[in-house]
């Protein structure tokens, strides 16, 4: 929908993403992210945790399958998407509301961790396991197809002397 606010949250997964499929075959991963705000207390000169906020998240299609295969409970993640307030009635008749995030992008936070990124196969046909590739240079991942702007290219050659 046009005009919906897009937000980014950073927090920890409360459980492994749960992958399921719709009747039409579309993959959806459901997970929850706990976000705990921190404030600095000038009197004690220490950081203090606030009340945690829990966001239910849904991620669709190939990204859902990639997240379910990659992300695990406790991981610190960064998620971007559209937020909505969902109201529902519990089995015992109580009205409840919760924040929900329709996730567009999600990935591990690299603030306190390292990750090895592997390009997922496309086209829906399973591919044999690939050998790990050498780390790409110029801040771009290796691999891809001939039309892929991220495809690994031969290294440019530079003259021994600068041009000035």
C-alpha atoms as a PDB file:
ATOM      1  CA  UNK A   1       0.000   0.000   0.000  1.00  0.00           C
ATOM      2  CA  UNK A   2       1.310   3.437  -0.829  1.00  0.00           C
ATOM      3  CA  UNK A   3       2.232   5.758   2.008  1.00  0.00           C
ATOM      4  CA  UNK A   4       2.675   3.123   4.695  1.00  0.00           C
ATOM      5  CA  UNK A   5       5.457   3.993   7.128  1.00  0.00           C
ATOM      6  CA  UNK A   6       8.596   1.881   6.805  1.00  0.00           C
ATOM      7  CA  UNK A   7      10.624   1.269   9.943  1.00  0.00           C
ATOM      8  CA  UNK A   8      13.837  -0.508  10.828  1.00  0.00           C
ATOM      9  CA  UNK A   9      14.175  -2.407  14.085  1.00  0.00           C
ATOM     10  CA  UNK A  10      17.206  -4.028  15.646  1.00  0.00           C
ATOM     11  CA  UNK A  11      16.754  -6.739  18.239  1.00  0.00           C
ATOM     12  CA  UNK A  12      17.061 -10.419  19.056  1.00  0.00           C
ATOM     13  CA  UNK A  13      15.044 -13.317  17.639  1.00  0.00           C
ATOM     14  CA  UNK A  14      12.920 -14.910  20.345  1.00  0.00           C
ATOM     15  CA  UNK A  15      12.706 -18.226  18.450  1.00  0.00           C
ATOM     16  CA  UNK A  16      13.825 -19.797  15.188  1.00  0.00           C
ATOM     17  CA  UNK A  17      11.830 -18.556  12.169  1.00  0.00           C
ATOM     18  CA  UNK A  18       8.891 -20.890  11.527  1.00  0.00           C
ATOM     19  CA  UNK A  19       8.554 -21.658   7.823  1.00  0.00           C
ATOM     20  CA  UNK A  20       5.185 -22.626   6.364  1.00  0.00           C
ATOM     21  CA  UNK A  21       3.580 -22.591   2.926  1.00  0.00           C
ATOM     22  CA  UNK A  22       0.261 -21.203   1.754  1.00  0.00           C
ATOM     23  CA  UNK A  23      -2.116 -23.363  -0.311  1.00  0.00           C
ATOM     24  CA  UNK A  24      -0.772 -21.671  -3.442  1.00  0.00           C
ATOM     25  CA  UNK A  25       2.781 -22.671  -2.472  1.00  0.00           C
ATOM     26  CA  UNK A  26       4.106 -19.286  -1.297  1.00  0.00           C
ATOM     27  CA  UNK A  27       6.585 -19.558   1.562  1.00  0.00           C
ATOM     28  CA  UNK A  28       6.093 -17.440   4.685  1.00  0.00           C
ATOM     29  CA  UNK A  29       8.375 -17.269   7.713  1.00  0.00           C
ATOM     30  CA  UNK A  30       6.983 -16.109  11.039  1.00  0.00           C
ATOM     31  CA  UNK A  31       9.255 -14.962  13.839  1.00  0.00           C
ATOM     32  CA  UNK A  32       9.394 -12.494  16.695  1.00  0.00           C
ATOM     33  CA  UNK A  33      11.996  -9.827  17.457  1.00  0.00           C
ATOM     34  CA  UNK A  34      12.543  -8.505  20.983  1.00  0.00           C
ATOM     35  CA  UNK A  35      13.734  -4.891  21.134  1.00  0.00           C
ATOM     36  CA  UNK A  36      14.964  -3.591  24.483  1.00  0.00           C
ATOM     37  CA  UNK A  37      15.578   0.167  24.679  1.00  0.00           C
ATOM     38  CA  UNK A  38      18.595   1.251  26.728  1.00  0.00           C
ATOM     39  CA  UNK A  39      19.093   4.576  28.448  1.00  0.00           C
ATOM     40  CA  UNK A  40      22.094   6.031  30.237  1.00  0.00           C
ATOM     41  CA  UNK A  41      21.501   6.859  33.917  1.00  0.00           C
ATOM     42  CA  UNK A  42      23.669   9.874  34.720  1.00  0.00           C
ATOM     43  CA  UNK A  43      23.294   9.332  38.472  1.00  0.00           C
ATOM     44  CA  UNK A  44      24.636   5.766  38.458  1.00  0.00           C
ATOM     45  CA  UNK A  45      26.714   6.324  35.315  1.00  0.00           C
ATOM     46  CA  UNK A  46      25.473   3.025  33.888  1.00  0.00           C
ATOM     47  CA  UNK A  47      23.284   1.860  31.018  1.00  0.00           C
ATOM     48  CA  UNK A  48      19.879   0.525  32.051  1.00  0.00           C
ATOM     49  CA  UNK A  49      17.496  -1.696  30.094  1.00  0.00           C
ATOM     50  CA  UNK A  50      13.947  -0.484  29.523  1.00  0.00           C
ATOM     51  CA  UNK A  51      10.852  -2.608  29.027  1.00  0.00           C
ATOM     52  CA  UNK A  52      11.235  -4.970  26.062  1.00  0.00           C
ATOM     53  CA  UNK A  53       8.982  -4.587  23.047  1.00  0.00           C
ATOM     54  CA  UNK A  54       8.076  -7.652  20.998  1.00  0.00           C
ATOM     55  CA  UNK A  55       7.329  -7.445  17.278  1.00  0.00           C
ATOM     56  CA  UNK A  56       5.691 -10.306  15.410  1.00  0.00           C
ATOM     57  CA  UNK A  57       7.213 -10.508  11.948  1.00  0.00           C
ATOM     58  CA  UNK A  58       6.221 -12.117   8.653  1.00  0.00           C
ATOM     59  CA  UNK A  59       8.512 -12.538   5.669  1.00  0.00           C
ATOM     60  CA  UNK A  60       7.421 -13.965   2.322  1.00  0.00           C
ATOM     61  CA  UNK A  61       8.637 -16.105  -0.596  1.00  0.00           C
ATOM     62  CA  UNK A  62      12.370 -16.691  -1.257  1.00  0.00           C
ATOM     63  CA  UNK A  63      13.397 -14.344   1.550  1.00  0.00           C
ATOM     64  CA  UNK A  64      11.287 -16.436   3.954  1.00  0.00           C
ATOM     65  CA  UNK A  65      13.108 -19.615   2.963  1.00  0.00           C
ATOM     66  CA  UNK A  66      16.499 -17.896   3.209  1.00  0.00           C
ATOM     67  CA  UNK A  67      15.689 -16.509   6.669  1.00  0.00           C
ATOM     68  CA  UNK A  68      14.436 -19.872   7.942  1.00  0.00           C
ATOM     69  CA  UNK A  69      17.645 -21.502   6.750  1.00  0.00           C
ATOM     70  CA  UNK A  70      19.946 -18.775   8.108  1.00  0.00           C
ATOM     71  CA  UNK A  71      18.549 -17.147  11.246  1.00  0.00           C
ATOM     72  CA  UNK A  72      18.348 -18.738  14.697  1.00  0.00           C
ATOM     73  CA  UNK A  73      16.893 -17.932  18.113  1.00  0.00           C
ATOM     74  CA  UNK A  74      18.958 -15.361  20.002  1.00  0.00           C
ATOM     75  CA  UNK A  75      20.598 -13.831  16.913  1.00  0.00           C
ATOM     76  CA  UNK A  76      20.729 -10.055  16.766  1.00  0.00           C
ATOM     77  CA  UNK A  77      18.992  -9.011  13.531  1.00  0.00           C
ATOM     78  CA  UNK A  78      18.119  -5.891  11.588  1.00  0.00           C
ATOM     79  CA  UNK A  79      14.676  -5.903   9.965  1.00  0.00           C
ATOM     80  CA  UNK A  80      13.015  -3.317   7.747  1.00  0.00           C
ATOM     81  CA  UNK A  81       9.361  -3.334   6.852  1.00  0.00           C
ATOM     82  CA  UNK A  82       5.897  -1.918   7.284  1.00  0.00           C
ATOM     83  CA  UNK A  83       4.414  -1.824  10.762  1.00  0.00           C
ATOM     84  CA  UNK A  84       0.776  -2.437  11.598  1.00  0.00           C
ATOM     85  CA  UNK A  85      -1.317  -2.849  14.721  1.00  0.00           C
ATOM     86  CA  UNK A  86      -3.184  -6.139  14.783  1.00  0.00           C
ATOM     87  CA  UNK A  87      -6.169  -6.584  17.094  1.00  0.00           C
ATOM     88  CA  UNK A  88      -7.599  -9.970  17.980  1.00  0.00           C
ATOM     89  CA  UNK A  89      -9.691 -11.793  20.554  1.00  0.00           C
ATOM     90  CA  UNK A  90      -8.194 -14.558  22.709  1.00  0.00           C
ATOM     91  CA  UNK A  91      -9.902 -17.896  23.291  1.00  0.00           C
ATOM     92  CA  UNK A  92     -11.210 -16.639  26.624  1.00  0.00           C
ATOM     93  CA  UNK A  93     -12.754 -13.526  25.001  1.00  0.00           C
ATOM     94  CA  UNK A  94     -10.158 -10.892  25.917  1.00  0.00           C
ATOM     95  CA  UNK A  95      -9.343  -8.184  23.374  1.00  0.00           C
ATOM     96  CA  UNK A  96      -5.620  -7.889  22.595  1.00  0.00           C
ATOM     97  CA  UNK A  97      -3.467  -5.832  20.266  1.00  0.00           C
ATOM     98  CA  UNK A  98       0.057  -6.396  19.047  1.00  0.00           C
ATOM     99  CA  UNK A  99       2.517  -4.700  16.750  1.00  0.00           C
ATOM    100  CA  UNK A 100       3.237  -6.659  13.577  1.00  0.00           C
ATOM    101  CA  UNK A 101       5.957  -6.055  11.013  1.00  0.00           C
ATOM    102  CA  UNK A 102       5.579  -7.124   7.382  1.00  0.00           C
ATOM    103  CA  UNK A 103       9.294  -7.557   6.751  1.00  0.00           C
ATOM    104  CA  UNK A 104      10.817  -6.492   3.441  1.00  0.00           C
ATOM    105  CA  UNK A 105      14.464  -7.163   4.389  1.00  0.00           C
ATOM    106  CA  UNK A 106      16.105  -8.957   7.323  1.00  0.00           C
ATOM    107  CA  UNK A 107      19.626 -10.014   8.137  1.00  0.00           C
ATOM    108  CA  UNK A 108      22.041 -10.614  10.983  1.00  0.00           C
ATOM    109  CA  UNK A 109      23.498  -7.596  12.741  1.00  0.00           C
ATOM    110  CA  UNK A 110      27.270  -7.472  12.436  1.00  0.00           C
ATOM    111  CA  UNK A 111      27.767  -5.267  15.476  1.00  0.00           C
ATOM    112  CA  UNK A 112      28.715  -8.192  17.725  1.00  0.00           C
ATOM    113  CA  UNK A 113      29.016 -11.024  15.194  1.00  0.00           C
ATOM    114  CA  UNK A 114      30.444 -12.055  11.839  1.00  0.00           C
ATOM    115  CA  UNK A 115      28.553 -13.689   9.014  1.00  0.00           C
ATOM    116  CA  UNK A 116      29.502 -15.603   5.880  1.00  0.00           C
ATOM    117  CA  UNK A 117      27.141 -14.649   3.057  1.00  0.00           C
ATOM    118  CA  UNK A 118      26.307 -17.203   0.379  1.00  0.00           C
ATOM    119  CA  UNK A 119      24.210 -16.274  -2.632  1.00  0.00           C
ATOM    120  CA  UNK A 120      21.075 -18.421  -2.706  1.00  0.00           C
ATOM    121  CA  UNK A 121      20.144 -20.243  -5.928  1.00  0.00           C
ATOM    122  CA  UNK A 122      17.344 -18.649  -7.944  1.00  0.00           C
ATOM    123  CA  UNK A 123      14.708 -20.011 -10.256  1.00  0.00           C
ATOM    124  CA  UNK A 124      13.202 -22.530  -7.861  1.00  0.00           C
ATOM    125  CA  UNK A 125      15.309 -25.461  -9.094  1.00  0.00           C
ATOM    126  CA  UNK A 126      17.537 -27.054  -6.482  1.00  0.00           C
ATOM    127  CA  UNK A 127      21.240 -26.670  -7.217  1.00  0.00           C
ATOM    128  CA  UNK A 128      24.079 -28.880  -6.017  1.00  0.00           C
ATOM    129  CA  UNK A 129      26.068 -27.564  -3.074  1.00  0.00           C
ATOM    130  CA  UNK A 130      28.719 -25.136  -4.215  1.00  0.00           C
ATOM    131  CA  UNK A 131      32.279 -24.952  -3.023  1.00  0.00           C
ATOM    132  CA  UNK A 132      33.052 -21.886  -0.888  1.00  0.00           C
ATOM    133  CA  UNK A 133      34.419 -19.081  -3.006  1.00  0.00           C
ATOM    134  CA  UNK A 134      37.336 -16.856  -2.253  1.00  0.00           C
ATOM    135  CA  UNK A 135      36.369 -13.622  -0.547  1.00  0.00           C
ATOM    136  CA  UNK A 136      35.442 -10.953  -3.060  1.00  0.00           C
ATOM    137  CA  UNK A 137      37.125  -7.584  -3.123  1.00  0.00           C
ATOM    138  CA  UNK A 138      35.837  -4.056  -3.592  1.00  0.00           C
ATOM    139  CA  UNK A 139      33.038  -4.697  -1.032  1.00  0.00           C
ATOM    140  CA  UNK A 140      31.060  -6.850  -3.465  1.00  0.00           C
ATOM    141  CA  UNK A 141      30.178 -10.525  -3.039  1.00  0.00           C
ATOM    142  CA  UNK A 142      31.592 -13.063  -5.469  1.00  0.00           C
ATOM    143  CA  UNK A 143      29.588 -15.084  -7.968  1.00  0.00           C
ATOM    144  CA  UNK A 144      26.499 -14.425 -10.018  1.00  0.00           C
ATOM    145  CA  UNK A 145      25.550 -14.629 -13.659  1.00  0.00           C
ATOM    146  CA  UNK A 146      26.936 -12.710 -16.614  1.00  0.00           C
ATOM    147  CA  UNK A 147      24.263 -10.020 -16.185  1.00  0.00           C
ATOM    148  CA  UNK A 148      24.762  -9.827 -12.416  1.00  0.00           C
ATOM    149  CA  UNK A 149      26.326  -6.511 -11.340  1.00  0.00           C
ATOM    150  CA  UNK A 150      27.673  -8.300  -8.243  1.00  0.00           C
ATOM    151  CA  UNK A 151      29.439 -10.935 -10.321  1.00  0.00           C
ATOM    152  CA  UNK A 152      33.116 -11.367  -9.556  1.00  0.00           C
ATOM    153  CA  UNK A 153      35.221  -9.629 -12.158  1.00  0.00           C
ATOM    154  CA  UNK A 154      38.911  -9.835 -12.824  1.00  0.00           C
ATOM    155  CA  UNK A 155      40.911  -7.395 -10.733  1.00  0.00           C
ATOM    156  CA  UNK A 156      41.724  -4.093 -12.456  1.00  0.00           C
ATOM    157  CA  UNK A 157      45.374  -3.421 -13.098  1.00  0.00           C
ATOM    158  CA  UNK A 158      46.872  -0.192 -11.897  1.00  0.00           C
ATOM    159  CA  UNK A 159      50.090   1.440 -13.116  1.00  0.00           C
ATOM    160  CA  UNK A 160      53.015   1.428 -10.710  1.00  0.00           C
ATOM    161  CA  UNK A 161      53.087   5.196 -10.545  1.00  0.00           C
ATOM    162  CA  UNK A 162      50.175   7.504  -9.661  1.00  0.00           C
ATOM    163  CA  UNK A 163      48.912   9.740 -12.484  1.00  0.00           C
ATOM    164  CA  UNK A 164      50.027  12.972 -10.787  1.00  0.00           C
END
